Amino acid sequence: MQSFPAMQAGAMALVCALVPAAHAASADLLTGNTRLACEATLCLSTGAQPSECSPSLNHYFGIKKYSHGSLDWSATVSARRAFLSQCPASSDQGMPERIDAISRGAGKCDPDYLNRTYAATAYRWRKRSLGGDSGDIIYDVHAIPTVSLNKLPAYCVTYNDHAWTYDLSVRYVGVPAMGGHWVNAQAYTAAQAKWDADHRGRWASGWNFSLKNPRPVANSR
């Protein structure tokens, strides 16, 4: 995550990349999709999005392409990139790469999306023998909600941690087999401390943890 001074510098760098071209253009150029494209580029580069971002963001995320009734993600990315490229500054130094990162990562790299898309079940379990001649084993198994993905895809790293972004970085709290999840980077320290308090000590002592149900398929107990 960028520090506040770094955020100011990064945000100013992006604004400076966009504004000169806008001032050089005619007033008519800063209307319609051209204006929305510039606003969307700015709004999608920060996690602190004011209400003024709504029109451009609604337009951006409304761009979807389908093939045979299903969302065509590759075509959607291309269409969104083409929309952002309508901003006059889109061809300036560093901007094509930034626009490409936005088109691939925006909306797919925040904690809500990651936690929802990669939601899974982990298991806290232990087993014991019933003793006697049967030798039967009892499994004590508890399901734990978790998020299986604990490493960001490369496109998210490129999108979230660019020098021109602020408040987009995310971090993974805990471990997948014990109920981990994603949070915004600025909330990580407190979230990790709470996770440690909830998932260590007596709660974990004497238990096993896995992402696969430990019960043998033929064992229903």
Protein backbone atom coordinates (compact mmCIF):
# COMPACT_ATOMS: atom_id res chain seq x y z
CA MET A 1 0.00 0.00 0.00
CA GLN A 2 1.22 3.49 -0.79
CA SER A 3 1.84 5.76 2.20
CA PHE A 4 -0.07 9.07 2.27
CA PRO A 5 2.85 11.09 0.88
CA ALA A 6 3.36 8.43 -1.77
CA MET A 7 -0.36 8.51 -2.53
CA GLN A 8 -0.20 12.25 -3.04
CA ALA A 9 2.75 11.87 -5.38
CA GLY A 10 1.15 8.96 -7.24
CA ALA A 11 -2.22 10.65 -7.57
CA MET A 12 -0.61 13.87 -8.69
CA ALA A 13 1.43 11.97 -11.27
CA LEU A 14 -1.75 10.47 -12.72
CA VAL A 15 -3.59 13.78 -12.67
CA CYS A 16 -0.65 15.47 -14.35
CA ALA A 17 -0.69 12.78 -17.01
CA LEU A 18 -4.37 13.34 -17.72
CA VAL A 19 -4.93 17.06 -17.27
CA PRO A 20 -2.50 18.60 -19.81
CA ALA A 21 -4.09 16.73 -22.69
CA ALA A 22 -7.51 17.74 -21.43
CA HIS A 23 -6.55 21.42 -21.28
CA ALA A 24 -5.01 21.20 -24.72
CA ALA A 25 -8.21 19.79 -26.15
CA SER A 26 -11.30 21.79 -26.98
CA ALA A 27 -14.12 22.08 -24.47
CA ASP A 28 -16.28 19.87 -26.65
CA LEU A 29 -13.77 17.04 -26.26
CA LEU A 30 -14.41 16.81 -22.52
CA THR A 31 -17.98 15.63 -22.81
CA GLY A 32 -19.67 12.30 -23.34
CA ASN A 33 -17.51 9.21 -23.39
CA THR A 34 -14.30 11.22 -23.58
CA ARG A 35 -15.01 12.84 -20.23
CA LEU A 36 -16.24 9.57 -18.73
CA ALA A 37 -13.09 7.77 -19.89
CA CYS A 38 -10.79 10.27 -18.17
CA GLU A 39 -12.89 10.24 -15.00
CA ALA A 40 -13.00 6.44 -14.95
CA THR A 41 -9.22 6.23 -15.29
CA LEU A 42 -8.82 8.44 -12.22
CA CYS A 43 -11.59 6.81 -10.19
CA LEU A 44 -10.37 3.27 -10.89
CA SER A 45 -6.91 4.20 -9.61
CA THR A 46 -8.02 4.82 -6.03
CA GLY A 47 -10.02 2.98 -3.42
CA ALA A 48 -11.38 6.29 -2.13
CA GLN A 49 -14.05 6.89 -4.76
CA PRO A 50 -16.38 9.88 -4.21
CA SER A 51 -19.98 9.90 -5.43
CA GLU A 52 -18.85 11.91 -8.47
CA CYS A 53 -17.25 8.70 -9.75
CA SER A 54 -20.59 6.92 -10.11
CA PRO A 55 -21.43 7.92 -13.72
CA SER A 56 -18.06 6.91 -15.12
CA LEU A 57 -17.84 3.72 -13.07
CA ASN A 58 -21.38 2.66 -14.00
CA HIS A 59 -20.52 3.18 -17.65
CA TYR A 60 -17.23 1.30 -17.34
CA PHE A 61 -18.61 -1.75 -15.53
CA GLY A 62 -21.64 -1.74 -17.82
CA ILE A 63 -19.36 -2.64 -20.72
CA LYS A 64 -19.74 -6.40 -21.11
CA LYS A 65 -19.32 -8.66 -24.11
CA TYR A 66 -20.98 -12.03 -24.49
CA SER A 67 -20.37 -15.07 -26.61
CA HIS A 68 -22.91 -17.89 -26.92
CA GLY A 69 -24.82 -16.50 -23.94
CA SER A 70 -21.83 -16.33 -21.58
CA LEU A 71 -19.61 -13.44 -20.59
CA ASP A 72 -16.57 -13.25 -22.85
CA TRP A 73 -13.96 -11.87 -20.47
CA SER A 74 -11.26 -11.35 -23.10
CA ALA A 75 -13.62 -9.37 -25.31
CA THR A 76 -14.90 -7.44 -22.28
CA VAL A 77 -11.35 -6.45 -21.33
CA SER A 78 -10.69 -5.28 -24.88
CA ALA A 79 -13.89 -3.23 -24.95
CA ARG A 80 -13.18 -1.63 -21.59
CA ARG A 81 -9.63 -0.84 -22.69
CA ALA A 82 -10.98 0.77 -25.84
CA PHE A 83 -13.36 2.90 -23.76
CA LEU A 84 -10.59 4.14 -21.42
CA SER A 85 -8.42 4.85 -24.45
CA GLN A 86 -10.88 7.56 -25.49
CA CYS A 87 -9.31 9.81 -22.86
CA PRO A 88 -6.97 12.24 -24.70
CA ALA A 89 -4.08 11.34 -22.39
CA SER A 90 -4.35 7.60 -22.99
CA SER A 91 -1.35 7.52 -25.31
CA ASP A 92 0.93 9.59 -23.06
CA GLN A 93 3.97 8.01 -21.46
CA GLY A 94 2.98 5.30 -19.01
CA MET A 95 -0.73 5.57 -19.75
CA PRO A 96 -1.20 2.60 -22.14
CA GLU A 97 0.26 0.28 -19.51
CA ARG A 98 -1.90 1.81 -16.79
CA ILE A 99 -5.06 1.53 -18.87
CA ASP A 100 -4.27 -2.10 -19.69
CA ALA A 101 -3.78 -2.86 -15.97
CA ILE A 102 -7.09 -1.19 -15.12
CA SER A 103 -9.01 -3.05 -17.81
CA ARG A 104 -7.70 -6.39 -16.56
CA GLY A 105 -7.87 -5.84 -12.81
CA ALA A 106 -10.56 -3.30 -11.89
CA GLY A 107 -13.42 -5.02 -10.10
CA LYS A 108 -11.57 -8.33 -9.79
CA CYS A 109 -8.84 -7.53 -7.27
CA ASP A 110 -10.65 -6.10 -4.24
CA PRO A 111 -11.34 -8.09 -1.03
CA ASP A 112 -15.07 -8.50 -1.72
CA TYR A 113 -14.49 -10.01 -5.14
CA LEU A 114 -11.60 -12.24 -4.05
CA ASN A 115 -13.39 -13.50 -0.93
CA ARG A 116 -16.58 -14.20 -2.87
CA THR A 117 -14.99 -15.78 -5.94
CA TYR A 118 -12.54 -18.03 -4.11
CA ALA A 119 -14.78 -18.94 -1.16
CA ALA A 120 -14.17 -22.51 -0.02
CA THR A 121 -14.46 -24.80 2.98
CA ALA A 122 -11.62 -25.82 5.27
CA TYR A 123 -11.80 -28.47 7.97
CA ARG A 124 -10.73 -28.48 11.62
CA TRP A 125 -10.59 -32.10 12.66
CA ARG A 126 -9.24 -34.84 14.87
CA LYS A 127 -9.87 -38.54 15.23
CA ARG A 128 -9.87 -41.08 17.99
CA SER A 129 -10.26 -44.81 18.32
CA LEU A 130 -13.31 -46.31 20.01
CA GLY A 131 -11.08 -48.97 21.44
CA GLY A 132 -12.08 -52.59 21.91
CA ASP A 133 -11.99 -55.21 19.20
CA SER A 134 -13.73 -53.14 16.52
CA GLY A 135 -10.91 -50.69 16.04
CA ASP A 136 -13.43 -48.16 14.75
CA ILE A 137 -12.27 -44.58 14.32
CA ILE A 138 -14.43 -41.57 15.13
CA TYR A 139 -13.82 -38.37 13.17
CA ASP A 140 -14.66 -35.07 14.84
CA VAL A 141 -14.88 -32.62 11.93
CA HIS A 142 -15.86 -28.95 11.86
CA ALA A 143 -16.27 -27.00 8.60
CA ILE A 144 -14.62 -23.56 8.44
CA PRO A 145 -15.44 -20.90 5.83
CA THR A 146 -12.25 -19.87 4.08
CA VAL A 147 -10.79 -18.37 0.92
CA SER A 148 -8.61 -20.81 -0.96
CA LEU A 149 -6.60 -18.26 -2.97
CA ASN A 150 -3.92 -16.61 -0.83
CA LYS A 151 -1.65 -15.26 -3.58
CA LEU A 152 -2.78 -12.49 -5.90
CA PRO A 153 -2.90 -13.14 -9.65
CA ALA A 154 -0.21 -11.23 -11.53
CA TYR A 155 -2.76 -8.87 -13.09
CA CYS A 156 -3.94 -7.85 -9.61
CA VAL A 157 -0.41 -7.07 -8.49
CA THR A 158 0.06 -4.89 -11.57
CA TYR A 159 -3.27 -3.14 -11.04
CA ASN A 160 -3.26 -2.68 -7.25
CA ASP A 161 0.36 -1.75 -6.61
CA HIS A 162 1.10 0.65 -9.45
CA ALA A 163 2.86 3.89 -8.48
CA TRP A 164 -0.18 5.87 -9.64
CA THR A 165 -2.67 4.13 -7.36
CA TYR A 166 -3.81 4.70 -3.80
CA ASP A 167 -5.63 2.46 -1.34
CA LEU A 168 -6.05 -0.46 -3.73
CA SER A 169 -3.53 -2.88 -2.18
CA VAL A 170 -4.90 -5.97 -0.45
CA ARG A 171 -3.36 -8.60 1.82
CA TYR A 172 -4.31 -12.10 2.89
CA VAL A 173 -5.07 -12.71 6.55
CA GLY A 174 -4.37 -16.13 8.08
CA VAL A 175 -3.92 -19.34 6.09
CA PRO A 176 -6.38 -21.10 3.78
CA ALA A 177 -6.60 -24.34 5.77
CA MET A 178 -7.60 -22.44 8.92
CA GLY A 179 -10.07 -19.91 7.57
CA GLY A 180 -8.18 -17.11 5.82
CA HIS A 181 -9.52 -14.13 3.88
CA TRP A 182 -8.52 -10.93 2.06
CA VAL A 183 -8.66 -7.43 3.51
CA ASN A 184 -7.60 -3.98 2.37
CA ALA A 185 -3.93 -3.49 3.16
CA GLN A 186 -4.53 -0.66 5.63
CA ALA A 187 -6.69 -3.00 7.72
CA TYR A 188 -4.20 -5.87 7.66
CA THR A 189 -2.39 -5.35 10.96
CA ALA A 190 -5.56 -5.28 13.04
CA ALA A 191 -7.19 -8.08 11.05
CA GLN A 192 -4.16 -10.35 11.35
CA ALA A 193 -3.90 -9.71 15.09
CA LYS A 194 -7.57 -10.64 15.53
CA TRP A 195 -7.15 -13.73 13.36
CA ASP A 196 -4.17 -14.87 15.44
CA ALA A 197 -6.14 -14.37 18.66
CA ASP A 198 -9.10 -16.36 17.29
CA HIS A 199 -7.20 -19.17 15.56
CA ARG A 200 -4.27 -20.01 17.79
CA GLY A 201 -3.86 -21.39 21.32
CA ARG A 202 -6.56 -23.75 22.60
CA TRP A 203 -8.65 -23.43 19.43
CA ALA A 204 -5.88 -24.99 17.36
CA SER A 205 -4.15 -27.20 19.92
CA GLY A 206 -4.68 -30.89 19.25
CA TRP A 207 -6.50 -30.31 15.97
CA ASN A 208 -5.59 -30.91 12.34
CA PHE A 209 -6.51 -28.54 9.51
CA SER A 210 -7.02 -29.23 5.83
CA LEU A 211 -8.84 -28.05 2.72
CA LYS A 212 -10.09 -31.59 2.10
CA ASN A 213 -12.72 -33.37 4.16
CA PRO A 214 -10.70 -35.87 6.20
CA ARG A 215 -13.50 -38.40 6.57
CA PRO A 216 -13.00 -41.53 4.48
CA VAL A 217 -15.60 -41.69 1.74
CA ALA A 218 -17.13 -44.88 3.16
CA ASN A 219 -17.22 -43.47 6.70
CA SER A 220 -20.38 -41.51 7.43
CA ARG A 221 -19.70 -40.93 11.12
